[in-house]
All heavy atoms as atom14 arrays in JSON, in Angstrom:
{
  "sequence": "RVLGIMHLADTRDQAIDDCTYGLQDFADYFGAAGFVPLSNSVDEA",
  "atom14_mask": [
    [1, 1, 1, 1, 1, 1, 1, 1, 1, 1, 1, 0, 0, 0],
    [1, 1, 1, 1, 1, 1, 1, 0, 0, 0, 0, 0, 0, 0],
    [1, 1, 1, 1, 1, 1, 1, 1, 0, 0, 0, 0, 0, 0],
    [1, 1, 1, 1, 0, 0, 0, 0, 0, 0, 0, 0, 0, 0],
    [1, 1, 1, 1, 1, 1, 1, 1, 0, 0, 0, 0, 0, 0],
    [1, 1, 1, 1, 1, 1, 1, 1, 0, 0, 0, 0, 0, 0],
    [1, 1, 1, 1, 1, 1, 1, 1, 1, 1, 0, 0, 0, 0],
    [1, 1, 1, 1, 1, 1, 1, 1, 0, 0, 0, 0, 0, 0],
    [1, 1, 1, 1, 1, 0, 0, 0, 0, 0, 0, 0, 0, 0],
    [1, 1, 1, 1, 1, 1, 1, 1, 0, 0, 0, 0, 0, 0],
    [1, 1, 1, 1, 1, 1, 1, 0, 0, 0, 0, 0, 0, 0],
    [1, 1, 1, 1, 1, 1, 1, 1, 1, 1, 1, 0, 0, 0],
    [1, 1, 1, 1, 1, 1, 1, 1, 0, 0, 0, 0, 0, 0],
    [1, 1, 1, 1, 1, 1, 1, 1, 1, 0, 0, 0, 0, 0],
    [1, 1, 1, 1, 1, 0, 0, 0, 0, 0, 0, 0, 0, 0],
    [1, 1, 1, 1, 1, 1, 1, 1, 0, 0, 0, 0, 0, 0],
    [1, 1, 1, 1, 1, 1, 1, 1, 0, 0, 0, 0, 0, 0],
    [1, 1, 1, 1, 1, 1, 1, 1, 0, 0, 0, 0, 0, 0],
    [1, 1, 1, 1, 1, 1, 0, 0, 0, 0, 0, 0, 0, 0],
    [1, 1, 1, 1, 1, 1, 1, 0, 0, 0, 0, 0, 0, 0],
    [1, 1, 1, 1, 1, 1, 1, 1, 1, 1, 1, 1, 0, 0],
    [1, 1, 1, 1, 0, 0, 0, 0, 0, 0, 0, 0, 0, 0],
    [1, 1, 1, 1, 1, 1, 1, 1, 0, 0, 0, 0, 0, 0],
    [1, 1, 1, 1, 1, 1, 1, 1, 1, 0, 0, 0, 0, 0],
    [1, 1, 1, 1, 1, 1, 1, 1, 0, 0, 0, 0, 0, 0],
    [1, 1, 1, 1, 1, 1, 1, 1, 1, 1, 1, 0, 0, 0],
    [1, 1, 1, 1, 1, 0, 0, 0, 0, 0, 0, 0, 0, 0],
    [1, 1, 1, 1, 1, 1, 1, 1, 0, 0, 0, 0, 0, 0],
    [1, 1, 1, 1, 1, 1, 1, 1, 1, 1, 1, 1, 0, 0],
    [1, 1, 1, 1, 1, 1, 1, 1, 1, 1, 1, 0, 0, 0],
    [1, 1, 1, 1, 0, 0, 0, 0, 0, 0, 0, 0, 0, 0],
    [1, 1, 1, 1, 1, 0, 0, 0, 0, 0, 0, 0, 0, 0],
    [1, 1, 1, 1, 1, 0, 0, 0, 0, 0, 0, 0, 0, 0],
    [1, 1, 1, 1, 0, 0, 0, 0, 0, 0, 0, 0, 0, 0],
    [1, 1, 1, 1, 1, 1, 1, 1, 1, 1, 1, 0, 0, 0],
    [1, 1, 1, 1, 1, 1, 1, 0, 0, 0, 0, 0, 0, 0],
    [1, 1, 1, 1, 1, 1, 1, 0, 0, 0, 0, 0, 0, 0],
    [1, 1, 1, 1, 1, 1, 1, 1, 0, 0, 0, 0, 0, 0],
    [1, 1, 1, 1, 1, 1, 0, 0, 0, 0, 0, 0, 0, 0],
    [1, 1, 1, 1, 1, 1, 1, 1, 0, 0, 0, 0, 0, 0],
    [1, 1, 1, 1, 1, 1, 0, 0, 0, 0, 0, 0, 0, 0],
    [1, 1, 1, 1, 1, 1, 1, 0, 0, 0, 0, 0, 0, 0],
    [1, 1, 1, 1, 1, 1, 1, 1, 0, 0, 0, 0, 0, 0],
    [1, 1, 1, 1, 1, 1, 1, 1, 1, 0, 0, 0, 0, 0],
    [1, 1, 1, 1, 1, 0, 0, 0, 0, 0, 0, 0, 0, 0]
  ],
  "atom14_positions": [
    [[14.88, 4.62, -15.69], [14.01, 3.49, -15.37], [13.14, 3.83, -14.17], [13.63, 4.38, -13.19], [14.85, 2.23, -15.06], [15.58, 1.69, -16.28], [16.53, 0.57, -15.88], [17.14, -0.05, -17.04], [18.22, 0.42, -17.66], [18.82, 1.51, -17.19], [18.72, -0.2, -18.71], [0.0, 0.0, 0.0], [0.0, 0.0, 0.0], [0.0, 0.0, 0.0]],
    [[11.87, 3.46, -14.25], [10.91, 3.76, -13.2], [10.27, 2.45, -12.73], [9.8, 1.65, -13.55], [9.84, 4.75, -13.7], [8.71, 4.87, -12.7], [10.47, 6.11, -13.97], [0.0, 0.0, 0.0], [0.0, 0.0, 0.0], [0.0, 0.0, 0.0], [0.0, 0.0, 0.0], [0.0, 0.0, 0.0], [0.0, 0.0, 0.0], [0.0, 0.0, 0.0]],
    [[10.25, 2.25, -11.43], [9.7, 1.04, -10.83], [8.22, 1.23, -10.5], [7.82, 2.27, -9.98], [10.46, 0.71, -9.55], [9.99, -0.53, -8.78], [10.45, -1.8, -9.48], [10.52, -0.51, -7.34], [0.0, 0.0, 0.0], [0.0, 0.0, 0.0], [0.0, 0.0, 0.0], [0.0, 0.0, 0.0], [0.0, 0.0, 0.0], [0.0, 0.0, 0.0]],
    [[7.41, 0.22, -10.79], [6.02, 0.18, -10.37], [5.71, -1.18, -9.77], [6.44, -2.15, -9.98], [0.0, 0.0, 0.0], [0.0, 0.0, 0.0], [0.0, 0.0, 0.0], [0.0, 0.0, 0.0], [0.0, 0.0, 0.0], [0.0, 0.0, 0.0], [0.0, 0.0, 0.0], [0.0, 0.0, 0.0], [0.0, 0.0, 0.0], [0.0, 0.0, 0.0]],
    [[4.61, -1.23, -9.01], [4.25, -2.46, -8.31], [2.88, -2.91, -8.79], [1.92, -2.13, -8.72], [4.24, -2.26, -6.78], [5.51, -1.54, -6.32], [4.1, -3.59, -6.07], [5.55, -1.23, -4.84], [0.0, 0.0, 0.0], [0.0, 0.0, 0.0], [0.0, 0.0, 0.0], [0.0, 0.0, 0.0], [0.0, 0.0, 0.0], [0.0, 0.0, 0.0]],
    [[2.79, -4.15, -9.28], [1.5, -4.61, -9.79], [1.39, -6.12, -9.76], [2.4, -6.84, -9.7], [1.27, -4.09, -11.22], [2.26, -4.53, -12.26], [1.81, -3.94, -13.93], [1.75, -2.17, -13.7], [0.0, 0.0, 0.0], [0.0, 0.0, 0.0], [0.0, 0.0, 0.0], [0.0, 0.0, 0.0], [0.0, 0.0, 0.0], [0.0, 0.0, 0.0]],
    [[0.14, -6.57, -9.81], [-0.18, -7.98, -10.07], [-1.42, -7.98, -10.96], [-2.41, -7.29, -10.67], [-0.46, -8.76, -8.79], [-0.95, -10.15, -9.08], [-0.1, -11.17, -9.45], [-2.21, -10.68, -9.1], [-0.81, -12.27, -9.68], [-2.08, -12.0, -9.47], [0.0, 0.0, 0.0], [0.0, 0.0, 0.0], [0.0, 0.0, 0.0], [0.0, 0.0, 0.0]],
    [[-1.38, -8.78, -12.03], [-2.46, -8.8, -13.01], [-3.15, -10.16, -13.05], [-2.52, -11.19, -12.81], [-1.92, -8.47, -14.41], [-1.14, -7.18, -14.57], [-0.75, -6.97, -16.03], [-1.92, -5.99, -14.05], [0.0, 0.0, 0.0], [0.0, 0.0, 0.0], [0.0, 0.0, 0.0], [0.0, 0.0, 0.0], [0.0, 0.0, 0.0], [0.0, 0.0, 0.0]],
    [[-4.42, -10.13, -13.35], [-5.21, -11.34, -13.57], [-6.26, -11.01, -14.64], [-6.33, -9.9, -15.14], [-5.87, -11.81, -12.28], [0.0, 0.0, 0.0], [0.0, 0.0, 0.0], [0.0, 0.0, 0.0], [0.0, 0.0, 0.0], [0.0, 0.0, 0.0], [0.0, 0.0, 0.0], [0.0, 0.0, 0.0], [0.0, 0.0, 0.0], [0.0, 0.0, 0.0]],
    [[-7.08, -11.99, -14.98], [-8.08, -11.78, -16.02], [-9.19, -10.84, -15.58], [-9.82, -10.18, -16.41], [-8.67, -13.12, -16.45], [-7.61, -14.03, -17.07], [-7.0, -13.63, -18.07], [-7.39, -15.14, -16.54], [0.0, 0.0, 0.0], [0.0, 0.0, 0.0], [0.0, 0.0, 0.0], [0.0, 0.0, 0.0], [0.0, 0.0, 0.0], [0.0, 0.0, 0.0]],
    [[-9.45, -10.78, -14.27], [-10.43, -9.85, -13.72], [-9.84, -9.2, -12.47], [-8.91, -9.72, -11.86], [-11.74, -10.56, -13.34], [-11.48, -11.47, -12.24], [-12.31, -11.34, -14.52], [0.0, 0.0, 0.0], [0.0, 0.0, 0.0], [0.0, 0.0, 0.0], [0.0, 0.0, 0.0], [0.0, 0.0, 0.0], [0.0, 0.0, 0.0], [0.0, 0.0, 0.0]],
    [[-10.42, -8.07, -12.07], [-9.95, -7.41, -10.84], [-10.22, -8.27, -9.62], [-9.38, -8.35, -8.71], [-10.64, -6.05, -10.68], [-10.18, -5.01, -11.68], [-10.88, -3.69, -11.46], [-10.51, -2.7, -12.46], [-11.05, -1.49, -12.56], [-12.01, -1.13, -11.71], [-10.66, -0.65, -13.51], [0.0, 0.0, 0.0], [0.0, 0.0, 0.0], [0.0, 0.0, 0.0]],
    [[-11.38, -8.91, -9.59], [-11.69, -9.78, -8.46], [-10.68, -10.9, -8.33], [-10.24, -11.25, -7.22], [-13.1, -10.37, -8.61], [-14.19, -9.37, -8.25], [-13.85, -8.35, -7.6], [-15.35, -9.61, -8.61], [0.0, 0.0, 0.0], [0.0, 0.0, 0.0], [0.0, 0.0, 0.0], [0.0, 0.0, 0.0], [0.0, 0.0, 0.0], [0.0, 0.0, 0.0]],
    [[-10.28, -11.49, -9.47], [-9.31, -12.57, -9.42], [-7.95, -12.05, -8.97], [-7.25, -12.73, -8.21], [-9.18, -13.22, -10.8], [-8.25, -14.44, -10.81], [-8.71, -15.53, -9.88], [-9.84, -16.02, -10.01], [-7.86, -15.93, -8.94], [0.0, 0.0, 0.0], [0.0, 0.0, 0.0], [0.0, 0.0, 0.0], [0.0, 0.0, 0.0], [0.0, 0.0, 0.0]],
    [[-7.58, -10.86, -9.4], [-6.3, -10.29, -8.98], [-6.28, -10.07, -7.47], [-5.26, -10.35, -6.81], [-6.05, -8.97, -9.72], [0.0, 0.0, 0.0], [0.0, 0.0, 0.0], [0.0, 0.0, 0.0], [0.0, 0.0, 0.0], [0.0, 0.0, 0.0], [0.0, 0.0, 0.0], [0.0, 0.0, 0.0], [0.0, 0.0, 0.0], [0.0, 0.0, 0.0]],
    [[-7.38, -9.6, -6.9], [-7.45, -9.41, -5.46], [-7.37, -10.75, -4.74], [-6.64, -10.92, -3.76], [-8.74, -8.65, -5.08], [-8.65, -7.2, -5.56], [-8.98, -8.71, -3.57], [-9.93, -6.42, -5.39], [0.0, 0.0, 0.0], [0.0, 0.0, 0.0], [0.0, 0.0, 0.0], [0.0, 0.0, 0.0], [0.0, 0.0, 0.0], [0.0, 0.0, 0.0]],
    [[-8.11, -11.74, -5.24], [-8.04, -13.08, -4.64], [-6.62, -13.63, -4.69], [-6.14, -14.23, -3.71], [-9.0, -14.02, -5.37], [-10.47, -13.76, -5.05], [-10.73, -13.1, -4.01], [-11.33, -14.19, -5.83], [0.0, 0.0, 0.0], [0.0, 0.0, 0.0], [0.0, 0.0, 0.0], [0.0, 0.0, 0.0], [0.0, 0.0, 0.0], [0.0, 0.0, 0.0]],
    [[-5.94, -13.45, -5.82], [-4.57, -13.95, -5.96], [-3.67, -13.4, -4.86], [-2.82, -14.12, -4.3], [-3.98, -13.55, -7.32], [-4.58, -14.31, -8.5], [-5.28, -15.32, -8.26], [-4.34, -13.88, -9.65], [0.0, 0.0, 0.0], [0.0, 0.0, 0.0], [0.0, 0.0, 0.0], [0.0, 0.0, 0.0], [0.0, 0.0, 0.0], [0.0, 0.0, 0.0]],
    [[-3.83, -12.12, -4.56], [-2.9, -11.44, -3.66], [-3.15, -11.72, -2.18], [-2.36, -11.31, -1.33], [-2.91, -9.94, -3.92], [-2.2, -9.48, -5.52], [0.0, 0.0, 0.0], [0.0, 0.0, 0.0], [0.0, 0.0, 0.0], [0.0, 0.0, 0.0], [0.0, 0.0, 0.0], [0.0, 0.0, 0.0], [0.0, 0.0, 0.0], [0.0, 0.0, 0.0]],
    [[-4.23, -12.44, -1.88], [-4.41, -12.88, -0.49], [-3.34, -13.89, -0.1], [-3.14, -14.16, 1.09], [-5.81, -13.5, -0.28], [-5.96, -14.64, -1.14], [-6.9, -12.48, -0.59], [0.0, 0.0, 0.0], [0.0, 0.0, 0.0], [0.0, 0.0, 0.0], [0.0, 0.0, 0.0], [0.0, 0.0, 0.0], [0.0, 0.0, 0.0], [0.0, 0.0, 0.0]],
    [[-2.65, -14.44, -1.1], [-1.6, -15.44, -0.85], [-0.43, -14.84, -0.06], [0.09, -15.48, 0.86], [-1.11, -15.97, -2.19], [0.08, -16.91, -2.13], [-0.09, -18.27, -1.9], [1.38, -16.43, -2.32], [1.0, -19.12, -1.86], [2.47, -17.27, -2.28], [2.28, -18.62, -2.05], [3.36, -19.46, -2.02], [0.0, 0.0, 0.0], [0.0, 0.0, 0.0]],
    [[0.0, -13.62, -0.4], [1.23, -13.14, 0.21], [1.37, -11.64, 0.42], [2.38, -11.19, 0.95], [0.0, 0.0, 0.0], [0.0, 0.0, 0.0], [0.0, 0.0, 0.0], [0.0, 0.0, 0.0], [0.0, 0.0, 0.0], [0.0, 0.0, 0.0], [0.0, 0.0, 0.0], [0.0, 0.0, 0.0], [0.0, 0.0, 0.0], [0.0, 0.0, 0.0]],
    [[0.37, -10.85, 0.02], [0.52, -9.39, 0.15], [0.62, -8.95, 1.6], [1.42, -8.07, 1.95], [-0.64, -8.68, -0.55], [-0.69, -7.15, -0.41], [0.62, -6.52, -0.85], [-1.85, -6.58, -1.2], [0.0, 0.0, 0.0], [0.0, 0.0, 0.0], [0.0, 0.0, 0.0], [0.0, 0.0, 0.0], [0.0, 0.0, 0.0], [0.0, 0.0, 0.0]],
    [[-0.18, -9.56, 2.47], [-0.15, -9.13, 3.87], [1.21, -9.41, 4.5], [1.72, -8.59, 5.27], [-1.26, -9.82, 4.66], [-1.41, -9.26, 6.08], [-2.76, -9.58, 6.7], [-3.7, -9.95, 6.01], [-2.86, -9.39, 7.99], [0.0, 0.0, 0.0], [0.0, 0.0, 0.0], [0.0, 0.0, 0.0], [0.0, 0.0, 0.0], [0.0, 0.0, 0.0]],
    [[1.83, -10.51, 4.15], [3.16, -10.82, 4.66], [4.17, -9.79, 4.16], [5.06, -9.36, 4.9], [3.57, -12.24, 4.24], [4.79, -12.73, 4.99], [5.92, -12.37, 4.57], [4.62, -13.45, 5.98], [0.0, 0.0, 0.0], [0.0, 0.0, 0.0], [0.0, 0.0, 0.0], [0.0, 0.0, 0.0], [0.0, 0.0, 0.0], [0.0, 0.0, 0.0]],
    [[4.06, -9.4, 2.88], [4.91, -8.38, 2.29], [4.79, -7.07, 3.07], [5.79, -6.43, 3.43], [4.5, -8.2, 0.83], [5.2, -7.09, 0.08], [6.39, -7.33, -0.6], [4.64, -5.82, 0.02], [7.0, -6.32, -1.32], [5.26, -4.81, -0.7], [6.45, -5.06, -1.37], [0.0, 0.0, 0.0], [0.0, 0.0, 0.0], [0.0, 0.0, 0.0]],
    [[3.54, -6.66, 3.35], [3.32, -5.43, 4.09], [3.84, -5.54, 5.52], [4.4, -4.58, 6.06], [1.82, -5.1, 4.1], [0.0, 0.0, 0.0], [0.0, 0.0, 0.0], [0.0, 0.0, 0.0], [0.0, 0.0, 0.0], [0.0, 0.0, 0.0], [0.0, 0.0, 0.0], [0.0, 0.0, 0.0], [0.0, 0.0, 0.0], [0.0, 0.0, 0.0]],
    [[3.7, -6.7, 6.13], [4.21, -6.9, 7.48], [5.73, -6.77, 7.53], [6.29, -6.21, 8.49], [3.8, -8.28, 8.01], [2.32, -8.39, 8.3], [1.65, -7.34, 8.39], [1.83, -9.53, 8.44], [0.0, 0.0, 0.0], [0.0, 0.0, 0.0], [0.0, 0.0, 0.0], [0.0, 0.0, 0.0], [0.0, 0.0, 0.0], [0.0, 0.0, 0.0]],
    [[6.41, -7.28, 6.5], [7.87, -7.18, 6.45], [8.32, -5.73, 6.45], [9.18, -5.32, 7.22], [8.39, -7.9, 5.2], [9.86, -7.64, 4.91], [10.86, -8.13, 5.75], [10.24, -6.91, 3.79], [12.2, -7.89, 5.48], [11.58, -6.67, 3.5], [12.55, -7.17, 4.35], [13.87, -6.93, 4.08], [0.0, 0.0, 0.0], [0.0, 0.0, 0.0]],
    [[7.7, -4.91, 5.6], [8.09, -3.52, 5.54], [7.61, -2.75, 6.77], [8.28, -1.82, 7.22], [7.55, -2.87, 4.26], [8.34, -3.25, 3.05], [7.86, -4.18, 2.16], [9.58, -2.69, 2.81], [8.59, -4.56, 1.04], [10.33, -3.05, 1.7], [9.83, -3.98, 0.82], [0.0, 0.0, 0.0], [0.0, 0.0, 0.0], [0.0, 0.0, 0.0]],
    [[6.48, -3.15, 7.31], [6.01, -2.5, 8.52], [6.93, -2.75, 9.7], [7.17, -1.88, 10.54], [0.0, 0.0, 0.0], [0.0, 0.0, 0.0], [0.0, 0.0, 0.0], [0.0, 0.0, 0.0], [0.0, 0.0, 0.0], [0.0, 0.0, 0.0], [0.0, 0.0, 0.0], [0.0, 0.0, 0.0], [0.0, 0.0, 0.0], [0.0, 0.0, 0.0]],
    [[7.49, -3.97, 9.77], [8.37, -4.31, 10.88], [9.77, -3.77, 10.67], [10.4, -3.25, 11.59], [8.41, -5.83, 11.04], [0.0, 0.0, 0.0], [0.0, 0.0, 0.0], [0.0, 0.0, 0.0], [0.0, 0.0, 0.0], [0.0, 0.0, 0.0], [0.0, 0.0, 0.0], [0.0, 0.0, 0.0], [0.0, 0.0, 0.0], [0.0, 0.0, 0.0]],
    [[10.27, -3.9, 9.42], [11.65, -3.51, 9.16], [11.78, -2.02, 8.84], [12.73, -1.37, 9.25], [12.21, -4.35, 8.0], [0.0, 0.0, 0.0], [0.0, 0.0, 0.0], [0.0, 0.0, 0.0], [0.0, 0.0, 0.0], [0.0, 0.0, 0.0], [0.0, 0.0, 0.0], [0.0, 0.0, 0.0], [0.0, 0.0, 0.0], [0.0, 0.0, 0.0]],
    [[10.81, -1.51, 8.06], [10.82, -0.09, 7.74], [12.04, 0.36, 6.96], [12.51, 1.48, 7.14], [0.0, 0.0, 0.0], [0.0, 0.0, 0.0], [0.0, 0.0, 0.0], [0.0, 0.0, 0.0], [0.0, 0.0, 0.0], [0.0, 0.0, 0.0], [0.0, 0.0, 0.0], [0.0, 0.0, 0.0], [0.0, 0.0, 0.0], [0.0, 0.0, 0.0]],
    [[12.55, -0.52, 6.1], [13.81, -0.21, 5.44], [13.64, 0.72, 4.25], [14.3, 1.73, 4.12], [14.49, -1.5, 4.99], [14.92, -2.39, 6.12], [14.7, -3.76, 6.05], [15.51, -1.87, 7.24], [15.09, -4.59, 7.09], [15.9, -2.68, 8.29], [15.69, -4.04, 8.21], [0.0, 0.0, 0.0], [0.0, 0.0, 0.0], [0.0, 0.0, 0.0]],
    [[12.76, 0.37, 3.33], [12.58, 1.15, 2.11], [11.09, 1.34, 1.86], [10.28, 0.46, 2.18], [13.24, 0.47, 0.89], [14.74, 0.55, 1.0], [12.81, -0.98, 0.76], [0.0, 0.0, 0.0], [0.0, 0.0, 0.0], [0.0, 0.0, 0.0], [0.0, 0.0, 0.0], [0.0, 0.0, 0.0], [0.0, 0.0, 0.0], [0.0, 0.0, 0.0]],
    [[10.69, 2.47, 1.27], [9.26, 2.78, 1.13], [8.62, 2.15, -0.1], [8.31, 2.81, -1.06], [9.27, 4.31, 1.01], [10.59, 4.62, 0.36], [11.55, 3.58, 0.86], [0.0, 0.0, 0.0], [0.0, 0.0, 0.0], [0.0, 0.0, 0.0], [0.0, 0.0, 0.0], [0.0, 0.0, 0.0], [0.0, 0.0, 0.0], [0.0, 0.0, 0.0]],
    [[8.4, 0.85, -0.05], [7.78, 0.16, -1.17], [6.44, -0.46, -0.79], [5.87, -1.23, -1.55], [8.71, -0.95, -1.69], [9.99, -0.48, -2.38], [10.86, -1.68, -2.73], [9.67, 0.31, -3.64], [0.0, 0.0, 0.0], [0.0, 0.0, 0.0], [0.0, 0.0, 0.0], [0.0, 0.0, 0.0], [0.0, 0.0, 0.0], [0.0, 0.0, 0.0]],
    [[5.92, -0.12, 0.37], [4.69, -0.75, 0.82], [3.72, 0.29, 1.36], [4.13, 1.24, 2.04], [5.0, -1.78, 1.91], [3.82, -2.3, 2.47], [0.0, 0.0, 0.0], [0.0, 0.0, 0.0], [0.0, 0.0, 0.0], [0.0, 0.0, 0.0], [0.0, 0.0, 0.0], [0.0, 0.0, 0.0], [0.0, 0.0, 0.0], [0.0, 0.0, 0.0]],
    [[2.43, 0.11, 1.08], [1.39, 0.91, 1.7], [1.2, 0.48, 3.15], [1.61, -0.61, 3.55], [0.07, 0.76, 0.95], [0.12, 1.38, -0.44], [0.93, 2.26, -0.7], [-0.75, 0.9, -1.33], [0.0, 0.0, 0.0], [0.0, 0.0, 0.0], [0.0, 0.0, 0.0], [0.0, 0.0, 0.0], [0.0, 0.0, 0.0], [0.0, 0.0, 0.0]],
    [[0.53, 1.3, 3.91], [0.21, 0.99, 5.3], [-1.29, 0.81, 5.44], [-2.07, 1.7, 5.09], [0.69, 2.12, 6.23], [0.33, 1.85, 7.56], [0.0, 0.0, 0.0], [0.0, 0.0, 0.0], [0.0, 0.0, 0.0], [0.0, 0.0, 0.0], [0.0, 0.0, 0.0], [0.0, 0.0, 0.0], [0.0, 0.0, 0.0], [0.0, 0.0, 0.0]],
    [[-1.7, -0.38, 5.91], [-3.13, -0.69, 6.05], [-3.38, -1.22, 7.45], [-2.64, -2.09, 7.93], [-3.57, -1.74, 4.99], [-5.02, -2.11, 5.21], [-3.36, -1.21, 3.59], [0.0, 0.0, 0.0], [0.0, 0.0, 0.0], [0.0, 0.0, 0.0], [0.0, 0.0, 0.0], [0.0, 0.0, 0.0], [0.0, 0.0, 0.0], [0.0, 0.0, 0.0]],
    [[-4.42, -0.72, 8.09], [-4.82, -1.22, 9.4], [-5.39, -2.63, 9.23], [-6.38, -2.83, 8.53], [-5.86, -0.3, 10.01], [-6.29, -0.74, 11.41], [-5.67, -1.67, 11.94], [-7.24, -0.14, 11.95], [0.0, 0.0, 0.0], [0.0, 0.0, 0.0], [0.0, 0.0, 0.0], [0.0, 0.0, 0.0], [0.0, 0.0, 0.0], [0.0, 0.0, 0.0]],
    [[-4.76, -3.6, 9.88], [-5.17, -4.99, 9.7], [-6.31, -5.42, 10.62], [-6.84, -6.52, 10.49], [-3.97, -5.92, 9.94], [-2.8, -5.66, 9.01], [-1.62, -6.57, 9.32], [-1.87, -7.68, 9.85], [-0.48, -6.2, 9.07], [0.0, 0.0, 0.0], [0.0, 0.0, 0.0], [0.0, 0.0, 0.0], [0.0, 0.0, 0.0], [0.0, 0.0, 0.0]],
    [[-6.69, -4.57, 11.55], [-7.67, -4.98, 12.57], [-9.0, -5.37, 11.93], [-9.58, -4.63, 11.14], [-7.88, -3.84, 13.56], [0.0, 0.0, 0.0], [0.0, 0.0, 0.0], [0.0, 0.0, 0.0], [0.0, 0.0, 0.0], [0.0, 0.0, 0.0], [0.0, 0.0, 0.0], [0.0, 0.0, 0.0], [0.0, 0.0, 0.0], [0.0, 0.0, 0.0]]
  ]
}
């Protein structure tokens, strides 16, 4: 079994808009905890 990470919508623009809901919080959790490598690193500035 292989794990992948995705979110789908009818268009790419809509998919990006959808993920403004919680992706940054997800990345912050892994950035702060650093437990498992499931998140990309993005400069939030």
